[in-house]
Every structure is written in C-alpha cells, then in structure tokens.
Amino acid sequence: MRGIKEAGALSEKIILNELKLNPCQACNTCYKTGNCMHKDDMPALLDKMEKSNLWVLGTPIYWWGPTAQFKIFLDRWYHPKHQSFKGKRVILVIPLGGGHERYARHTTGLLTDVLNYLSIELVETVLAPGFNRRGEVKNNGNLLKKAYNTGFGAIKEL
C-alpha cells in the first residue's frame, strides 16, 4: 500500500472482517432487479471496486484456502457489476503459516482462474510463506521491498 501511495495513487484499506457481508444465495435477485437481496456492505464495496483501476487483494491461508470472509466477498462478485471488472488490475498478497509456497496453491489457483474468467489482469502474486503471527512479516525486508516495488510499479504502469 505504501508503494501505491508513493507512486501517487489514492488508496483505501478495507478490512473485510469489519464489514457486514452475507453469503451469496445464487437467488439471481441481483440479475432480476439490479440489487442484491442482502442489505449489507457489499453494494458500497462493489461501487468502490468499479471506480478503482488496481486492487490489492489479500487473504491469509486457512487450511489451504482463503478465509471465510474473503470467500464470501469473492462469491458476491456474482453480481452483474462484475462485468465492469474487465480490464481491472490485481495484486494478490497472501501470507501463510506453512513454510512453503505450495500451501497457497489452491487459493492462488482459485483466484487466478476467477481473474482470468473475468478478464482481470493479475499483476503479481506476493506470497509470504512461514509467517504465523500477525505483523511478523514486518521483519522481512526483502519481502517488504518486493511488495513495495510491486505496488509502486503497478501504479506507474497505469
């Protein structure tokens, strides 16, 4: 996020755990009426996503997959607004307690497939294996530099 800001872009950090997000029911109300049946924070989040050219999506790995909150968020892309995501750019940031990148393979595969399906460009995936505690990554200068350079470079390419 610091690289993005220092490259001159506006940014906003959104913590999914602080939002009210209900799981998609595949009821198709959003396709029939343009509005989801749920009255939660997702419509405002979809609006922000539409207005942004670059997203940094992050989720730690829980049992080889994304968090439940992230999966709910991803499933709610089912809304017709996802059609406006074409051409957006994404940086994935994925910390994981396991000491090898292979523990992220299901999550990176899922996200790569979704992004490809929606014609969203995956700029880069920044994996952080071996970090079990929140904030622990702050002690890894090489990884922080990679994340900074990825964000800075992605904005300069726009």
Protein backbone atom coordinates (compact mmCIF):
# COMPACT_ATOMS: atom_id res chain seq x y z
CA MET A 1 0.00 0.00 0.00
CA ARG A 2 2.91 2.35 0.72
CA GLY A 3 4.30 1.79 -2.78
CA ILE A 4 0.92 2.60 -4.30
CA LYS A 5 0.61 5.81 -2.28
CA GLU A 6 4.17 6.90 -3.02
CA ALA A 7 3.56 6.32 -6.73
CA GLY A 8 0.87 9.00 -6.49
CA ALA A 9 -2.33 6.97 -6.28
CA LEU A 10 -5.16 7.31 -3.82
CA SER A 11 -5.73 4.18 -1.79
CA GLU A 12 -8.09 2.85 0.81
CA LYS A 13 -7.58 -0.17 3.01
CA ILE A 14 -10.73 -2.20 3.53
CA ILE A 15 -10.83 -4.92 6.17
CA LEU A 16 -13.49 -7.47 5.24
CA ASN A 17 -13.78 -8.59 8.85
CA GLU A 18 -15.03 -5.09 9.76
CA LEU A 19 -17.85 -5.20 7.20
CA LYS A 20 -21.20 -6.89 7.23
CA LEU A 21 -21.07 -9.30 4.28
CA ASN A 22 -23.63 -12.04 3.81
CA PRO A 23 -23.01 -15.10 1.64
CA CYS A 24 -24.41 -15.24 -1.87
CA GLN A 25 -27.51 -17.40 -2.21
CA ALA A 26 -27.42 -17.57 -6.03
CA CYS A 27 -31.05 -16.44 -6.00
CA ASN A 28 -30.47 -14.16 -9.02
CA THR A 29 -32.30 -11.23 -7.40
CA CYS A 30 -29.35 -9.05 -8.42
CA TYR A 31 -29.83 -10.05 -12.06
CA LYS A 32 -33.59 -9.50 -11.91
CA THR A 33 -33.61 -6.19 -10.04
CA GLY A 34 -30.02 -4.91 -10.11
CA ASN A 35 -29.88 -5.16 -6.31
CA CYS A 36 -28.83 -7.98 -4.04
CA MET A 37 -31.37 -9.49 -1.67
CA HIS A 38 -28.93 -8.85 1.19
CA LYS A 39 -28.87 -5.46 2.87
CA ASP A 40 -25.21 -5.33 3.79
CA ASP A 41 -21.96 -3.56 2.93
CA MET A 42 -21.28 -5.30 -0.38
CA PRO A 43 -23.03 -2.82 -2.71
CA ALA A 44 -20.80 0.03 -1.49
CA LEU A 45 -17.76 -2.21 -1.85
CA LEU A 46 -18.74 -3.16 -5.42
CA ASP A 47 -19.08 0.56 -6.24
CA LYS A 48 -15.56 1.20 -4.94
CA MET A 49 -14.23 -1.72 -6.95
CA GLU A 50 -15.85 -0.35 -10.11
CA LYS A 51 -14.16 3.02 -9.62
CA SER A 52 -10.70 1.58 -8.93
CA ASN A 53 -8.20 0.58 -11.60
CA LEU A 54 -6.00 -1.51 -9.32
CA TRP A 55 -6.97 -3.71 -6.39
CA VAL A 56 -4.68 -5.27 -3.84
CA LEU A 57 -6.46 -8.37 -2.60
CA GLY A 58 -5.11 -10.12 0.43
CA THR A 59 -6.07 -13.16 2.43
CA PRO A 60 -4.12 -15.41 4.71
CA ILE A 61 -4.28 -19.12 4.01
CA TYR A 62 -6.55 -21.15 6.29
CA TRP A 63 -6.43 -24.87 5.59
CA TRP A 64 -5.10 -24.37 2.04
CA GLY A 65 -7.80 -21.83 1.17
CA PRO A 66 -8.80 -18.20 1.65
CA THR A 67 -10.55 -17.04 4.80
CA ALA A 68 -14.30 -17.43 5.04
CA GLN A 69 -14.69 -13.65 4.86
CA PHE A 70 -12.66 -13.49 1.65
CA LYS A 71 -14.64 -16.34 0.08
CA ILE A 72 -17.93 -14.59 0.90
CA PHE A 73 -16.52 -11.41 -0.69
CA LEU A 74 -15.41 -13.33 -3.78
CA ASP A 75 -18.71 -15.19 -4.14
CA ARG A 76 -20.57 -11.89 -4.07
CA TRP A 77 -18.80 -10.90 -7.29
CA TYR A 78 -21.57 -12.95 -8.87
CA HIS A 79 -23.50 -9.64 -9.02
CA PRO A 80 -23.92 -8.24 -12.57
CA LYS A 81 -21.48 -5.45 -11.67
CA HIS A 82 -18.67 -7.96 -12.13
CA GLN A 83 -18.99 -7.24 -15.85
CA SER A 84 -17.41 -3.84 -15.19
CA PHE A 85 -14.35 -5.54 -13.68
CA LYS A 86 -12.97 -6.36 -17.13
CA GLY A 87 -9.58 -4.72 -17.58
CA LYS A 88 -9.04 -4.07 -13.86
CA ARG A 89 -5.64 -5.00 -12.42
CA VAL A 90 -4.96 -7.01 -9.26
CA ILE A 91 -2.06 -7.66 -6.93
CA LEU A 92 -2.56 -10.66 -4.67
CA VAL A 93 -0.93 -10.65 -1.24
CA ILE A 94 -1.07 -13.98 0.55
CA PRO A 95 0.61 -14.70 3.88
CA LEU A 96 0.66 -18.28 5.10
CA GLY A 97 1.90 -20.08 8.16
CA GLY A 98 3.19 -23.04 6.19
CA GLY A 99 6.84 -22.70 5.28
CA HIS A 100 6.40 -23.48 1.59
CA GLU A 101 4.53 -21.67 -1.18
CA ARG A 102 2.77 -24.89 -2.20
CA TYR A 103 0.37 -24.41 0.72
CA ALA A 104 -1.12 -21.46 -1.18
CA ARG A 105 -1.65 -23.38 -4.44
CA HIS A 106 -5.41 -23.84 -4.06
CA THR A 107 -6.01 -20.20 -3.21
CA THR A 108 -3.74 -18.85 -5.93
CA GLY A 109 -5.31 -21.29 -8.41
CA LEU A 110 -8.83 -20.24 -7.45
CA LEU A 111 -8.03 -16.55 -7.69
CA THR A 112 -6.07 -16.89 -10.93
CA ASP A 113 -9.00 -18.74 -12.52
CA VAL A 114 -11.56 -16.18 -11.33
CA LEU A 115 -9.45 -13.27 -12.54
CA ASN A 116 -8.90 -14.90 -15.92
CA TYR A 117 -12.61 -15.67 -16.26
CA LEU A 118 -13.49 -12.02 -15.60
CA SER A 119 -10.67 -10.65 -17.82
CA ILE A 120 -8.91 -9.05 -14.86
CA GLU A 121 -5.14 -8.77 -15.14
CA LEU A 122 -3.12 -10.42 -12.40
CA VAL A 123 -0.15 -8.07 -11.99
CA GLU A 124 1.68 -10.17 -9.43
CA THR A 125 1.19 -12.53 -6.51
CA VAL A 126 3.21 -11.74 -3.41
CA LEU A 127 3.40 -14.87 -1.27
CA ALA A 128 4.69 -14.74 2.30
CA PRO A 129 5.23 -18.33 3.49
CA GLY A 130 6.25 -19.12 7.03
CA PHE A 131 4.53 -16.25 8.84
CA ASN A 132 2.28 -17.48 11.63
CA ARG A 133 1.77 -14.29 13.61
CA ARG A 134 0.17 -11.03 12.55
CA GLY A 135 2.79 -8.36 11.90
CA GLU A 136 5.66 -10.85 11.80
CA VAL A 137 6.33 -10.06 8.13
CA LYS A 138 7.47 -6.55 9.10
CA ASN A 139 10.84 -8.10 9.99
CA ASN A 140 11.43 -9.38 6.44
CA GLY A 141 12.99 -6.52 4.48
CA ASN A 142 13.23 -8.45 1.20
CA LEU A 143 9.54 -9.32 1.17
CA LEU A 144 8.52 -5.79 2.13
CA LYS A 145 10.68 -4.41 -0.66
CA LYS A 146 9.07 -6.81 -3.16
CA ALA A 147 5.59 -5.75 -2.03
CA TYR A 148 6.53 -2.05 -2.20
CA ASN A 149 8.04 -2.38 -5.67
CA THR A 150 5.04 -4.34 -6.91
CA GLY A 151 2.59 -1.66 -5.77
CA PHE A 152 4.73 1.23 -6.96
CA GLY A 153 5.35 -0.39 -10.34
CA ALA A 154 1.70 -1.30 -10.88
CA ILE A 155 0.66 2.33 -10.47
CA LYS A 156 3.42 3.62 -12.73
CA GLU A 157 2.24 1.21 -15.45
CA LEU A 158 -1.30 2.65 -15.44
